[in-house]
Amino acid sequence: MAHKNQSSSPIVDATTMEWGEHPRVDGILMKQLLTASDNPLASVALVQVPPGSVVGLHSHTDQVETVYVLKGQSVLTLAGTEMPFNAGQIVALPVGVEHELRNAGPEPVELITFFTPPIS
């Protein structure tokens, strides 16, 4: 569940949230910003990939995953093709297409992910 301000404001302040373990990927950190209860059309999270870490090869059967790199240098493997994926870049990962992300730099990679429809 997203952590909202105690004033019941609809604004989520990611700077006040603690990083937690990603529920599906060991060693990856996450802040769940919005869930289906906040937005029935999308879920949104911040993801942190430590240096040398990998979000292993996987696909999503029901969601398009849109990923924007906030900071860092990574390599995205999309349908078997590796490409640099760095701060300021965005990609929409189609339903069913296998993808992997590897931190290729010396600092954590931070991403914002949007799943449409929301991931549960």
PDB file of N, CA and C in Angstrom:
ATOM      1  N   MET A   1       0.835  -1.173   0.000  1.00  0.00           N
ATOM      2  CA  MET A   1       0.000   0.000   0.000  1.00  0.00           C
ATOM      3  C   MET A   1       0.884   1.241   0.000  1.00  0.00           C
ATOM      4  N   ALA A   2       0.460   2.246  -0.709  1.00  0.00           N
ATOM      5  CA  ALA A   2       1.208   3.507  -0.743  1.00  0.00           C
ATOM      6  C   ALA A   2       1.118   4.181   0.619  1.00  0.00           C
ATOM      7  N   HIS A   3       2.174   4.857   0.994  1.00  0.00           N
ATOM      8  CA  HIS A   3       2.211   5.566   2.267  1.00  0.00           C
ATOM      9  C   HIS A   3       1.870   7.020   2.001  1.00  0.00           C
ATOM     10  N   LYS A   4       0.696   7.408   2.412  1.00  0.00           N
ATOM     11  CA  LYS A   4       0.255   8.770   2.171  1.00  0.00           C
ATOM     12  C   LYS A   4       0.535   9.626   3.396  1.00  0.00           C
ATOM     13  N   ASN A   5       0.557  10.917   3.181  1.00  0.00           N
ATOM     14  CA  ASN A   5       0.726  11.835   4.307  1.00  0.00           C
ATOM     15  C   ASN A   5      -0.419  11.642   5.288  1.00  0.00           C
ATOM     16  N   GLN A   6      -0.135  11.824   6.559  1.00  0.00           N
ATOM     17  CA  GLN A   6      -1.146  11.611   7.584  1.00  0.00           C
ATOM     18  C   GLN A   6      -2.311  12.597   7.466  1.00  0.00           C
ATOM     19  N   SER A   7      -2.135  13.681   6.733  1.00  0.00           N
ATOM     20  CA  SER A   7      -3.200  14.656   6.569  1.00  0.00           C
ATOM     21  C   SER A   7      -4.257  14.180   5.589  1.00  0.00           C
ATOM     22  N   SER A   8      -4.146  12.945   5.105  1.00  0.00           N
ATOM     23  CA  SER A   8      -5.019  12.333   4.108  1.00  0.00           C
ATOM     24  C   SER A   8      -4.930  13.029   2.753  1.00  0.00           C
ATOM     25  N   SER A   9      -3.834  13.689   2.502  1.00  0.00           N
ATOM     26  CA  SER A   9      -3.575  14.284   1.203  1.00  0.00           C
ATOM     27  C   SER A   9      -3.394  13.185   0.167  1.00  0.00           C
ATOM     28  N   PRO A  10      -3.835  13.412  -1.059  1.00  0.00           N
ATOM     29  CA  PRO A  10      -3.618  12.403  -2.104  1.00  0.00           C
ATOM     30  C   PRO A  10      -2.169  12.382  -2.610  1.00  0.00           C
ATOM     31  N   ILE A  11      -1.344  13.291  -2.120  1.00  0.00           N
ATOM     32  CA  ILE A  11       0.044  13.376  -2.567  1.00  0.00           C
ATOM     33  C   ILE A  11       0.896  12.381  -1.788  1.00  0.00           C
ATOM     34  N   VAL A  12       1.669  11.601  -2.516  1.00  0.00           N
ATOM     35  CA  VAL A  12       2.604  10.649  -1.912  1.00  0.00           C
ATOM     36  C   VAL A  12       3.988  11.280  -1.953  1.00  0.00           C
ATOM     37  N   ASP A  13       4.663  11.326  -0.820  1.00  0.00           N
ATOM     38  CA  ASP A  13       5.988  11.919  -0.729  1.00  0.00           C
ATOM     39  C   ASP A  13       7.026  10.811  -0.603  1.00  0.00           C
ATOM     40  N   ALA A  14       7.663  10.468  -1.717  1.00  0.00           N
ATOM     41  CA  ALA A  14       8.637   9.377  -1.728  1.00  0.00           C
ATOM     42  C   ALA A  14       9.839   9.672  -0.844  1.00  0.00           C
ATOM     43  N   THR A  15      10.124  10.949  -0.598  1.00  0.00           N
ATOM     44  CA  THR A  15      11.289  11.290   0.221  1.00  0.00           C
ATOM     45  C   THR A  15      11.105  10.900   1.681  1.00  0.00           C
ATOM     46  N   THR A  16       9.880  10.686   2.114  1.00  0.00           N
ATOM     47  CA  THR A  16       9.617  10.296   3.499  1.00  0.00           C
ATOM     48  C   THR A  16       9.493   8.781   3.665  1.00  0.00           C
ATOM     49  N   MET A  17       9.542   8.055   2.561  1.00  0.00           N
ATOM     50  CA  MET A  17       9.378   6.600   2.596  1.00  0.00           C
ATOM     51  C   MET A  17      10.732   5.910   2.720  1.00  0.00           C
ATOM     52  N   GLU A  18      10.746   4.789   3.407  1.00  0.00           N
ATOM     53  CA  GLU A  18      11.951   3.966   3.531  1.00  0.00           C
ATOM     54  C   GLU A  18      12.026   2.991   2.355  1.00  0.00           C
ATOM     55  N   TRP A  19      13.243   2.703   1.902  1.00  0.00           N
ATOM     56  CA  TRP A  19      13.425   1.663   0.904  1.00  0.00           C
ATOM     57  C   TRP A  19      13.145   0.321   1.557  1.00  0.00           C
ATOM     58  N   GLY A  20      12.437  -0.544   0.857  1.00  0.00           N
ATOM     59  CA  GLY A  20      12.173  -1.902   1.328  1.00  0.00           C
ATOM     60  C   GLY A  20      12.627  -2.902   0.281  1.00  0.00           C
ATOM     61  N   GLU A  21      12.685  -4.163   0.669  1.00  0.00           N
ATOM     62  CA  GLU A  21      13.063  -5.216  -0.272  1.00  0.00           C
ATOM     63  C   GLU A  21      11.994  -5.355  -1.353  1.00  0.00           C
ATOM     64  N   HIS A  22      12.430  -5.507  -2.576  1.00  0.00           N
ATOM     65  CA  HIS A  22      11.515  -5.765  -3.683  1.00  0.00           C
ATOM     66  C   HIS A  22      10.835  -7.102  -3.403  1.00  0.00           C
ATOM     67  N   PRO A  23       9.518  -7.201  -3.581  1.00  0.00           N
ATOM     68  CA  PRO A  23       8.825  -8.444  -3.220  1.00  0.00           C
ATOM     69  C   PRO A  23       9.133  -9.632  -4.131  1.00  0.00           C
ATOM     70  N   ARG A  24       9.699  -9.381  -5.312  1.00  0.00           N
ATOM     71  CA  ARG A  24       9.928 -10.476  -6.254  1.00  0.00           C
ATOM     72  C   ARG A  24      11.394 -10.667  -6.645  1.00  0.00           C
ATOM     73  N   VAL A  25      12.267  -9.678  -6.340  1.00  0.00           N
ATOM     74  CA  VAL A  25      13.652  -9.747  -6.808  1.00  0.00           C
ATOM     75  C   VAL A  25      14.608  -9.516  -5.633  1.00  0.00           C
ATOM     76  N   ASP A  26      15.358 -10.533  -5.267  1.00  0.00           N
ATOM     77  CA  ASP A  26      16.306 -10.434  -4.152  1.00  0.00           C
ATOM     78  C   ASP A  26      17.372  -9.379  -4.428  1.00  0.00           C
ATOM     79  N   GLY A  27      17.709  -8.601  -3.403  1.00  0.00           N
ATOM     80  CA  GLY A  27      18.784  -7.623  -3.489  1.00  0.00           C
ATOM     81  C   GLY A  27      18.399  -6.307  -4.142  1.00  0.00           C
ATOM     82  N   ILE A  28      17.171  -6.182  -4.581  1.00  0.00           N
ATOM     83  CA  ILE A  28      16.679  -4.962  -5.230  1.00  0.00           C
ATOM     84  C   ILE A  28      15.759  -4.252  -4.236  1.00  0.00           C
ATOM     85  N   LEU A  29      15.852  -2.925  -4.179  1.00  0.00           N
ATOM     86  CA  LEU A  29      15.047  -2.149  -3.242  1.00  0.00           C
ATOM     87  C   LEU A  29      13.895  -1.459  -3.965  1.00  0.00           C
ATOM     88  N   MET A  30      12.825  -1.164  -3.213  1.00  0.00           N
ATOM     89  CA  MET A  30      11.648  -0.591  -3.830  1.00  0.00           C
ATOM     90  C   MET A  30      10.872   0.288  -2.852  1.00  0.00           C
ATOM     91  N   LYS A  31      10.232   1.309  -3.410  1.00  0.00           N
ATOM     92  CA  LYS A  31       9.237   2.113  -2.708  1.00  0.00           C
ATOM     93  C   LYS A  31       7.974   2.049  -3.548  1.00  0.00           C
ATOM     94  N   GLN A  32       6.921   1.408  -3.029  1.00  0.00           N
ATOM     95  CA  GLN A  32       5.654   1.312  -3.760  1.00  0.00           C
ATOM     96  C   GLN A  32       4.908   2.629  -3.580  1.00  0.00           C
ATOM     97  N   LEU A  33       4.795   3.405  -4.646  1.00  0.00           N
ATOM     98  CA  LEU A  33       4.204   4.743  -4.558  1.00  0.00           C
ATOM     99  C   LEU A  33       2.700   4.726  -4.717  1.00  0.00           C
ATOM    100  N   LEU A  34       2.210   4.060  -5.744  1.00  0.00           N
ATOM    101  CA  LEU A  34       0.773   3.975  -5.997  1.00  0.00           C
ATOM    102  C   LEU A  34       0.403   2.545  -6.351  1.00  0.00           C
ATOM    103  N   THR A  35      -0.747   2.117  -5.856  1.00  0.00           N
ATOM    104  CA  THR A  35      -1.258   0.782  -6.148  1.00  0.00           C
ATOM    105  C   THR A  35      -2.606   0.914  -6.852  1.00  0.00           C
ATOM    106  N   ALA A  36      -3.208  -0.215  -7.170  1.00  0.00           N
ATOM    107  CA  ALA A  36      -4.516  -0.214  -7.824  1.00  0.00           C
ATOM    108  C   ALA A  36      -5.576   0.487  -6.974  1.00  0.00           C
ATOM    109  N   SER A  37      -5.397   0.497  -5.654  1.00  0.00           N
ATOM    110  CA  SER A  37      -6.364   1.193  -4.804  1.00  0.00           C
ATOM    111  C   SER A  37      -6.248   2.708  -4.940  1.00  0.00           C
ATOM    112  N   ASP A  38      -5.071   3.191  -5.364  1.00  0.00           N
ATOM    113  CA  ASP A  38      -4.869   4.617  -5.598  1.00  0.00           C
ATOM    114  C   ASP A  38      -5.262   5.008  -7.016  1.00  0.00           C
ATOM    115  N   ASN A  39      -4.960   4.114  -7.961  1.00  0.00           N
ATOM    116  CA  ASN A  39      -5.188   4.380  -9.378  1.00  0.00           C
ATOM    117  C   ASN A  39      -5.554   3.056 -10.038  1.00  0.00           C
ATOM    118  N   PRO A  40      -6.796   2.861 -10.435  1.00  0.00           N
ATOM    119  CA  PRO A  40      -7.192   1.569 -11.009  1.00  0.00           C
ATOM    120  C   PRO A  40      -6.559   1.277 -12.372  1.00  0.00           C
ATOM    121  N   LEU A  41      -5.858   2.248 -12.952  1.00  0.00           N
ATOM    122  CA  LEU A  41      -5.269   2.064 -14.276  1.00  0.00           C
ATOM    123  C   LEU A  41      -3.770   1.810 -14.261  1.00  0.00           C
ATOM    124  N   ALA A  42      -3.082   2.110 -13.127  1.00  0.00           N
ATOM    125  CA  ALA A  42      -1.624   1.943 -13.096  1.00  0.00           C
ATOM    126  C   ALA A  42      -1.113   1.817 -11.670  1.00  0.00           C
ATOM    127  N   SER A  43      -0.002   1.085 -11.527  1.00  0.00           N
ATOM    128  CA  SER A  43       0.748   1.090 -10.270  1.00  0.00           C
ATOM    129  C   SER A  43       2.108   1.711 -10.568  1.00  0.00           C
ATOM    130  N   VAL A  44       2.666   2.390  -9.558  1.00  0.00           N
ATOM    131  CA  VAL A  44       3.905   3.147  -9.738  1.00  0.00           C
ATOM    132  C   VAL A  44       4.834   2.841  -8.568  1.00  0.00           C
ATOM    133  N   ALA A  45       6.123   2.631  -8.884  1.00  0.00           N
ATOM    134  CA  ALA A  45       7.110   2.352  -7.841  1.00  0.00           C
ATOM    135  C   ALA A  45       8.447   2.985  -8.198  1.00  0.00           C
ATOM    136  N   LEU A  46       9.229   3.277  -7.164  1.00  0.00           N
ATOM    137  CA  LEU A  46      10.638   3.604  -7.334  1.00  0.00           C
ATOM    138  C   LEU A  46      11.408   2.319  -7.088  1.00  0.00           C
ATOM    139  N   VAL A  47      12.418   2.073  -7.901  1.00  0.00           N
ATOM    140  CA  VAL A  47      13.220   0.862  -7.783  1.00  0.00           C
ATOM    141  C   VAL A  47      14.684   1.280  -7.754  1.00  0.00           C
ATOM    142  N   GLN A  48      15.441   0.659  -6.862  1.00  0.00           N
ATOM    143  CA  GLN A  48      16.879   0.927  -6.768  1.00  0.00           C
ATOM    144  C   GLN A  48      17.636  -0.376  -7.005  1.00  0.00           C
ATOM    145  N   VAL A  49      18.564  -0.323  -7.973  1.00  0.00           N
ATOM    146  CA  VAL A  49      19.372  -1.484  -8.330  1.00  0.00           C
ATOM    147  C   VAL A  49      20.815  -1.177  -7.926  1.00  0.00           C
ATOM    148  N   PRO A  50      21.336  -1.849  -6.884  1.00  0.00           N
ATOM    149  CA  PRO A  50      22.698  -1.580  -6.427  1.00  0.00           C
ATOM    150  C   PRO A  50      23.743  -1.911  -7.492  1.00  0.00           C
ATOM    151  N   PRO A  51      24.948  -1.324  -7.375  1.00  0.00           N
ATOM    152  CA  PRO A  51      26.015  -1.637  -8.319  1.00  0.00           C
ATOM    153  C   PRO A  51      26.243  -3.146  -8.415  1.00  0.00           C
ATOM    154  N   GLY A  52      26.370  -3.637  -9.647  1.00  0.00           N
ATOM    155  CA  GLY A  52      26.614  -5.054  -9.878  1.00  0.00           C
ATOM    156  C   GLY A  52      25.385  -5.934  -9.808  1.00  0.00           C
ATOM    157  N   SER A  53      24.234  -5.375  -9.453  1.00  0.00           N
ATOM    158  CA  SER A  53      23.015  -6.169  -9.309  1.00  0.00           C
ATOM    159  C   SER A  53      22.240  -6.245 -10.620  1.00  0.00           C
ATOM    160  N   VAL A  54      21.372  -7.258 -10.695  1.00  0.00           N
ATOM    161  CA  VAL A  54      20.595  -7.521 -11.904  1.00  0.00           C
ATOM    162  C   VAL A  54      19.147  -7.796 -11.527  1.00  0.00           C
ATOM    163  N   VAL A  55      18.234  -7.186 -12.261  1.00  0.00           N
ATOM    164  CA  VAL A  55      16.832  -7.603 -12.234  1.00  0.00           C
ATOM    165  C   VAL A  55      16.748  -8.625 -13.361  1.00  0.00           C
ATOM    166  N   GLY A  56      16.709  -9.909 -12.982  1.00  0.00           N
ATOM    167  CA  GLY A  56      16.858 -10.997 -13.938  1.00  0.00           C
ATOM    168  C   GLY A  56      15.791 -11.061 -15.014  1.00  0.00           C
ATOM    169  N   LEU A  57      16.064 -11.860 -16.006  1.00  0.00           N
ATOM    170  CA  LEU A  57      15.205 -12.030 -17.168  1.00  0.00           C
ATOM    171  C   LEU A  57      13.804 -12.458 -16.739  1.00  0.00           C
ATOM    172  N   HIS A  58      12.819 -11.689 -17.189  1.00  0.00           N
ATOM    173  CA  HIS A  58      11.428 -11.983 -16.868  1.00  0.00           C
ATOM    174  C   HIS A  58      10.519 -11.270 -17.871  1.00  0.00           C
ATOM    175  N   SER A  59       9.242 -11.557 -17.801  1.00  0.00           N
ATOM    176  CA  SER A  59       8.254 -10.858 -18.618  1.00  0.00           C
ATOM    177  C   SER A  59       6.988 -10.694 -17.791  1.00  0.00           C
ATOM    178  N   HIS A  60       6.082  -9.886 -18.294  1.00  0.00           N
ATOM    179  CA  HIS A  60       4.804  -9.656 -17.616  1.00  0.00           C
ATOM    180  C   HIS A  60       3.688 -10.106 -18.546  1.00  0.00           C
ATOM    181  N   THR A  61       2.817 -10.956 -18.034  1.00  0.00           N
ATOM    182  CA  THR A  61       1.780 -11.543 -18.883  1.00  0.00           C
ATOM    183  C   THR A  61       0.597 -10.616 -19.124  1.00  0.00           C
ATOM    184  N   ASP A  62       0.417  -9.618 -18.252  1.00  0.00           N
ATOM    185  CA  ASP A  62      -0.776  -8.776 -18.368  1.00  0.00           C
ATOM    186  C   ASP A  62      -0.496  -7.282 -18.402  1.00  0.00           C
ATOM    187  N   GLN A  63       0.742  -6.851 -18.142  1.00  0.00           N
ATOM    188  CA  GLN A  63       1.028  -5.425 -18.012  1.00  0.00           C
ATOM    189  C   GLN A  63       2.084  -4.965 -19.014  1.00  0.00           C
ATOM    190  N   VAL A  64       1.922  -3.714 -19.449  1.00  0.00           N
ATOM    191  CA  VAL A  64       3.003  -2.978 -20.082  1.00  0.00           C
ATOM    192  C   VAL A  64       3.767  -2.345 -18.920  1.00  0.00           C
ATOM    193  N   GLU A  65       5.089  -2.492 -18.920  1.00  0.00           N
ATOM    194  CA  GLU A  65       5.919  -1.856 -17.900  1.00  0.00           C
ATOM    195  C   GLU A  65       6.658  -0.694 -18.560  1.00  0.00           C
ATOM    196  N   THR A  66       6.411   0.504 -18.071  1.00  0.00           N
ATOM    197  CA  THR A  66       7.119   1.677 -18.554  1.00  0.00           C
ATOM    198  C   THR A  66       8.152   2.042 -17.503  1.00  0.00           C
ATOM    199  N   VAL A  67       9.411   2.203 -17.933  1.00  0.00           N
ATOM    200  CA  VAL A  67      10.520   2.437 -17.004  1.00  0.00           C
ATOM    201  C   VAL A  67      11.256   3.704 -17.417  1.00  0.00           C
ATOM    202  N   TYR A  68      11.435   4.613 -16.454  1.00  0.00           N
ATOM    203  CA  TYR A  68      12.208   5.831 -16.651  1.00  0.00           C
ATOM    204  C   TYR A  68      13.404   5.778 -15.708  1.00  0.00           C
ATOM    205  N   VAL A  69      14.604   6.004 -16.227  1.00  0.00           N
ATOM    206  CA  VAL A  69      15.814   5.973 -15.408  1.00  0.00           C
ATOM    207  C   VAL A  69      16.038   7.353 -14.807  1.00  0.00           C
ATOM    208  N   LEU A  70      15.938   7.440 -13.483  1.00  0.00           N
ATOM    209  CA  LEU A  70      16.172   8.694 -12.768  1.00  0.00           C
ATOM    210  C   LEU A  70      17.654   8.998 -12.634  1.00  0.00           C
ATOM    211  N   LYS A  71      18.436   7.961 -12.297  1.00  0.00           N
ATOM    212  CA  LYS A  71      19.886   8.143 -12.200  1.00  0.00           C
ATOM    213  C   LYS A  71      20.596   6.821 -12.373  1.00  0.00           C
ATOM    214  N   GLY A  72      21.830   6.927 -12.863  1.00  0.00           N
ATOM    215  CA  GLY A  72      22.656   5.751 -13.012  1.00  0.00           C
ATOM    216  C   GLY A  72      22.804   5.283 -14.447  1.00  0.00           C
ATOM    217  N   GLN A  73      23.617   4.231 -14.574  1.00  0.00           N
ATOM    218  CA  GLN A  73      23.920   3.627 -15.866  1.00  0.00           C
ATOM    219  C   GLN A  73      23.578   2.151 -15.804  1.00  0.00           C
ATOM    220  N   SER A  74      22.789   1.699 -16.759  1.00  0.00           N
ATOM    221  CA  SER A  74      22.414   0.293 -16.781  1.00  0.00           C
ATOM    222  C   SER A  74      22.449  -0.238 -18.202  1.00  0.00           C
ATOM    223  N   VAL A  75      22.291  -1.542 -18.296  1.00  0.00           N
ATOM    224  CA  VAL A  75      22.144  -2.208 -19.580  1.00  0.00           C
ATOM    225  C   VAL A  75      20.803  -2.920 -19.545  1.00  0.00           C
ATOM    226  N   LEU A  76      19.965  -2.624 -20.529  1.00  0.00           N
ATOM    227  CA  LEU A  76      18.664  -3.263 -20.668  1.00  0.00           C
ATOM    228  C   LEU A  76      18.777  -4.331 -21.743  1.00  0.00           C
ATOM    229  N   THR A  77      18.355  -5.537 -21.412  1.00  0.00           N
ATOM    230  CA  THR A  77      18.238  -6.592 -22.415  1.00  0.00           C
ATOM    231  C   THR A  77      16.760  -6.727 -22.728  1.00  0.00           C
ATOM    232  N   LEU A  78      16.429  -6.508 -23.978  1.00  0.00           N
ATOM    233  CA  LEU A  78      15.031  -6.533 -24.422  1.00  0.00           C
ATOM    234  C   LEU A  78      14.926  -7.470 -25.609  1.00  0.00           C
ATOM    235  N   ALA A  79      14.180  -8.549 -25.419  1.00  0.00           N
ATOM    236  CA  ALA A  79      14.002  -9.552 -26.470  1.00  0.00           C
ATOM    237  C   ALA A  79      15.358 -10.028 -27.004  1.00  0.00           C
ATOM    238  N   GLY A  80      16.326 -10.228 -26.093  1.00  0.00           N
ATOM    239  CA  GLY A  80      17.624 -10.768 -26.453  1.00  0.00           C
ATOM    240  C   GLY A  80      18.652  -9.755 -26.922  1.00  0.00           C
ATOM    241  N   THR A  81      18.285  -8.479 -27.016  1.00  0.00           N
ATOM    242  CA  THR A  81      19.214  -7.439 -27.470  1.00  0.00           C
ATOM    243  C   THR A  81      19.606  -6.552 -26.301  1.00  0.00           C
ATOM    244  N   GLU A  82      20.925  -6.407 -26.068  1.00  0.00           N
ATOM    245  CA  GLU A  82      21.423  -5.527 -25.009  1.00  0.00           C
ATOM    246  C   GLU A  82      21.582  -4.112 -25.537  1.00  0.00           C
ATOM    247  N   MET A  83      21.216  -3.136 -24.679  1.00  0.00           N
ATOM    248  CA  MET A  83      21.384  -1.735 -25.049  1.00  0.00           C
ATOM    249  C   MET A  83      21.627  -0.909 -23.801  1.00  0.00           C
ATOM    250  N   PRO A  84      22.445   0.157 -23.910  1.00  0.00           N
ATOM    251  CA  PRO A  84      22.633   1.051 -22.764  1.00  0.00           C
ATOM    252  C   PRO A  84      21.288   1.688 -22.407  1.00  0.00           C
ATOM    253  N   PHE A  85      21.049   1.835 -21.102  1.00  0.00           N
ATOM    254  CA  PHE A  85      19.794   2.426 -20.621  1.00  0.00           C
ATOM    255  C   PHE A  85      20.167   3.277 -19.412  1.00  0.00           C
ATOM    256  N   ASN A  86      20.226   4.595 -19.623  1.00  0.00           N
ATOM    257  CA  ASN A  86      20.822   5.495 -18.647  1.00  0.00           C
ATOM    258  C   ASN A  86      19.887   6.613 -18.219  1.00  0.00           C
ATOM    259  N   ALA A  87      20.328   7.375 -17.225  1.00  0.00           N
ATOM    260  CA  ALA A  87      19.535   8.484 -16.678  1.00  0.00           C
ATOM    261  C   ALA A  87      18.972   9.340 -17.804  1.00  0.00           C
ATOM    262  N   GLY A  88      17.682   9.661 -17.675  1.00  0.00           N
ATOM    263  CA  GLY A  88      16.992  10.492 -18.652  1.00  0.00           C
ATOM    264  C   GLY A  88      16.316   9.718 -19.761  1.00  0.00           C
ATOM    265  N   GLN A  89      16.471   8.392 -19.793  1.00  0.00           N
ATOM    266  CA  GLN A  89      15.857   7.584 -20.851  1.00  0.00           C
ATOM    267  C   GLN A  89      14.628   6.854 -20.314  1.00  0.00           C
ATOM    268  N   ILE A  90      13.706   6.553 -21.232  1.00  0.00           N
ATOM    269  CA  ILE A  90      12.459   5.868 -20.887  1.00  0.00           C
ATOM    270  C   ILE A  90      12.178   4.791 -21.922  1.00  0.00           C
ATOM    271  N   VAL A  91      11.511   3.725 -21.499  1.00  0.00           N
ATOM    272  CA  VAL A  91      11.139   2.646 -22.409  1.00  0.00           C
ATOM    273  C   VAL A  91       9.796   2.067 -21.968  1.00  0.00           C
ATOM    274  N   ALA A  92       9.003   1.629 -22.947  1.00  0.00           N
ATOM    275  CA  ALA A  92       7.781   0.868 -22.678  1.00  0.00           C
ATOM    276  C   ALA A  92       8.065  -0.578 -23.060  1.00  0.00           C
ATOM    277  N   LEU A  93       7.960  -1.474 -22.088  1.00  0.00           N
ATOM    278  CA  LEU A  93       8.235  -2.889 -22.295  1.00  0.00           C
ATOM    279  C   LEU A  93       6.912  -3.609 -22.563  1.00  0.00           C
ATOM    280  N   PRO A  94       6.721  -4.109 -23.773  1.00  0.00           N
ATOM    281  CA  PRO A  94       5.440  -4.706 -24.144  1.00  0.00           C
ATOM    282  C   PRO A  94       5.085  -5.941 -23.318  1.00  0.00           C
ATOM    283  N   VAL A  95       3.813  -6.228 -23.240  1.00  0.00           N
ATOM    284  CA  VAL A  95       3.316  -7.433 -22.584  1.00  0.00           C
ATOM    285  C   VAL A  95       3.996  -8.651 -23.209  1.00  0.00           C
ATOM    286  N   GLY A  96       4.491  -9.536 -22.355  1.00  0.00           N
ATOM    287  CA  GLY A  96       5.042 -10.807 -22.807  1.00  0.00           C
ATOM    288  C   GLY A  96       6.469 -10.778 -23.330  1.00  0.00           C
ATOM    289  N   VAL A  97       7.102  -9.615 -23.437  1.00  0.00           N
ATOM    290  CA  VAL A  97       8.467  -9.539 -23.962  1.00  0.00           C
ATOM    291  C   VAL A  97       9.459  -9.692 -22.807  1.00  0.00           C
ATOM    292  N   GLU A  98      10.384 -10.651 -22.932  1.00  0.00           N
ATOM    293  CA  GLU A  98      11.375 -10.873 -21.885  1.00  0.00           C
ATOM    294  C   GLU A  98      12.362  -9.717 -21.826  1.00  0.00           C
ATOM    295  N   HIS A  99      12.692  -9.323 -20.589  1.00  0.00           N
ATOM    296  CA  HIS A  99      13.623  -8.215 -20.383  1.00  0.00           C
ATOM    297  C   HIS A  99      14.406  -8.431 -19.091  1.00  0.00           C
ATOM    298  N   GLU A 100      15.565  -7.760 -19.036  1.00  0.00           N
ATOM    299  CA  GLU A 100      16.459  -7.839 -17.885  1.00  0.00           C
ATOM    300  C   GLU A 100      17.166  -6.494 -17.769  1.00  0.00           C
ATOM    301  N   LEU A 101      17.483  -6.086 -16.548  1.00  0.00           N
ATOM    302  CA  LEU A 101      18.203  -4.835 -16.344  1.00  0.00           C
ATOM    303  C   LEU A 101      19.379  -5.088 -15.423  1.00  0.00           C
ATOM    304  N   ARG A 102      20.572  -4.641 -15.853  1.00  0.00           N
ATOM    305  CA  ARG A 102      21.792  -4.817 -15.076  1.00  0.00           C
ATOM    306  C   ARG A 102      22.406  -3.451 -14.794  1.00  0.00           C
ATOM    307  N   ASN A 103      22.751  -3.211 -13.542  1.00  0.00           N
ATOM    308  CA  ASN A 103      23.457  -1.983 -13.192  1.00  0.00           C
ATOM    309  C   ASN A 103      24.868  -2.100 -13.740  1.00  0.00           C
ATOM    310  N   ALA A 104      25.239  -1.193 -14.658  1.00  0.00           N
ATOM    311  CA  ALA A 104      26.543  -1.241 -15.313  1.00  0.00           C
ATOM    312  C   ALA A 104      27.484  -0.169 -14.796  1.00  0.00           C
ATOM    313  N   GLY A 105      27.087   0.565 -13.752  1.00  0.00           N
ATOM    314  CA  GLY A 105      27.910   1.659 -13.254  1.00  0.00           C
ATOM    315  C   GLY A 105      28.316   1.473 -11.809  1.00  0.00           C
ATOM    316  N   PRO A 106      29.049   2.444 -11.274  1.00  0.00           N
ATOM    317  CA  PRO A 106      29.561   2.354  -9.907  1.00  0.00           C
ATOM    318  C   PRO A 106      28.559   2.823  -8.845  1.00  0.00           C
ATOM    319  N   GLU A 107      27.451   3.410  -9.247  1.00  0.00           N
ATOM    320  CA  GLU A 107      26.458   3.934  -8.305  1.00  0.00           C
ATOM    321  C   GLU A 107      25.126   3.221  -8.499  1.00  0.00           C
ATOM    322  N   PRO A 108      24.239   3.281  -7.488  1.00  0.00           N
ATOM    323  CA  PRO A 108      22.926   2.670  -7.660  1.00  0.00           C
ATOM    324  C   PRO A 108      22.182   3.284  -8.847  1.00  0.00           C
ATOM    325  N   VAL A 109      21.433   2.435  -9.535  1.00  0.00           N
ATOM    326  CA  VAL A 109      20.515   2.892 -10.578  1.00  0.00           C
ATOM    327  C   VAL A 109      19.165   3.081  -9.906  1.00  0.00           C
ATOM    328  N   GLU A 110      18.525   4.232 -10.154  1.00  0.00           N
ATOM    329  CA  GLU A 110      17.174   4.461  -9.645  1.00  0.00           C
ATOM    330  C   GLU A 110      16.227   4.618 -10.813  1.00  0.00           C
ATOM    331  N   LEU A 111      15.110   3.909 -10.721  1.00  0.00           N
ATOM    332  CA  LEU A 111      14.113   3.854 -11.773  1.00  0.00           C
ATOM    333  C   LEU A 111      12.756   4.205 -11.211  1.00  0.00           C
ATOM    334  N   ILE A 112      11.896   4.732 -12.054  1.00  0.00           N
ATOM    335  CA  ILE A 112      10.484   4.813 -11.708  1.00  0.00           C
ATOM    336  C   ILE A 112       9.770   3.895 -12.689  1.00  0.00           C
ATOM    337  N   THR A 113       8.945   3.006 -12.158  1.00  0.00           N
ATOM    338  CA  THR A 113       8.243   2.029 -12.986  1.00  0.00           C
ATOM    339  C   THR A 113       6.746   2.262 -12.920  1.00  0.00           C
ATOM    340  N   PHE A 114       6.111   2.149 -14.069  1.00  0.00           N
ATOM    341  CA  PHE A 114       4.660   2.275 -14.196  1.00  0.00           C
ATOM    342  C   PHE A 114       4.140   0.982 -14.821  1.00  0.00           C
ATOM    343  N   PHE A 115       3.206   0.322 -14.159  1.00  0.00           N
ATOM    344  CA  PHE A 115       2.596  -0.880 -14.710  1.00  0.00           C
ATOM    345  C   PHE A 115       1.156  -0.559 -15.082  1.00  0.00           C
ATOM    346  N   THR A 116       0.810  -0.837 -16.347  1.00  0.00           N
ATOM    347  CA  THR A 116      -0.551  -0.628 -16.817  1.00  0.00           C
ATOM    348  C   THR A 116      -1.054  -1.896 -17.475  1.00  0.00           C
ATOM    349  N   PRO A 117      -2.155  -2.470 -17.002  1.00  0.00           N
ATOM    350  CA  PRO A 117      -2.851  -2.132 -15.756  1.00  0.00           C
ATOM    351  C   PRO A 117      -1.978  -2.420 -14.545  1.00  0.00           C
ATOM    352  N   PRO A 118      -2.438  -2.038 -13.343  1.00  0.00           N
ATOM    353  CA  PRO A 118      -1.616  -2.202 -12.135  1.00  0.00           C
ATOM    354  C   PRO A 118      -1.188  -3.648 -11.930  1.00  0.00           C
ATOM    355  N   ILE A 119       0.020  -3.808 -11.407  1.00  0.00           N
ATOM    356  CA  ILE A 119       0.516  -5.135 -11.042  1.00  0.00           C
ATOM    357  C   ILE A 119       0.023  -5.434  -9.638  1.00  0.00           C
ATOM    358  N   SER A 120      -0.315  -6.690  -9.416  1.00  0.00           N
ATOM    359  CA  SER A 120      -0.823  -7.036  -8.074  1.00  0.00           C
ATOM    360  C   SER A 120       0.136  -7.951  -7.355  1.00  0.00           C
TER     361      SER A 120
END
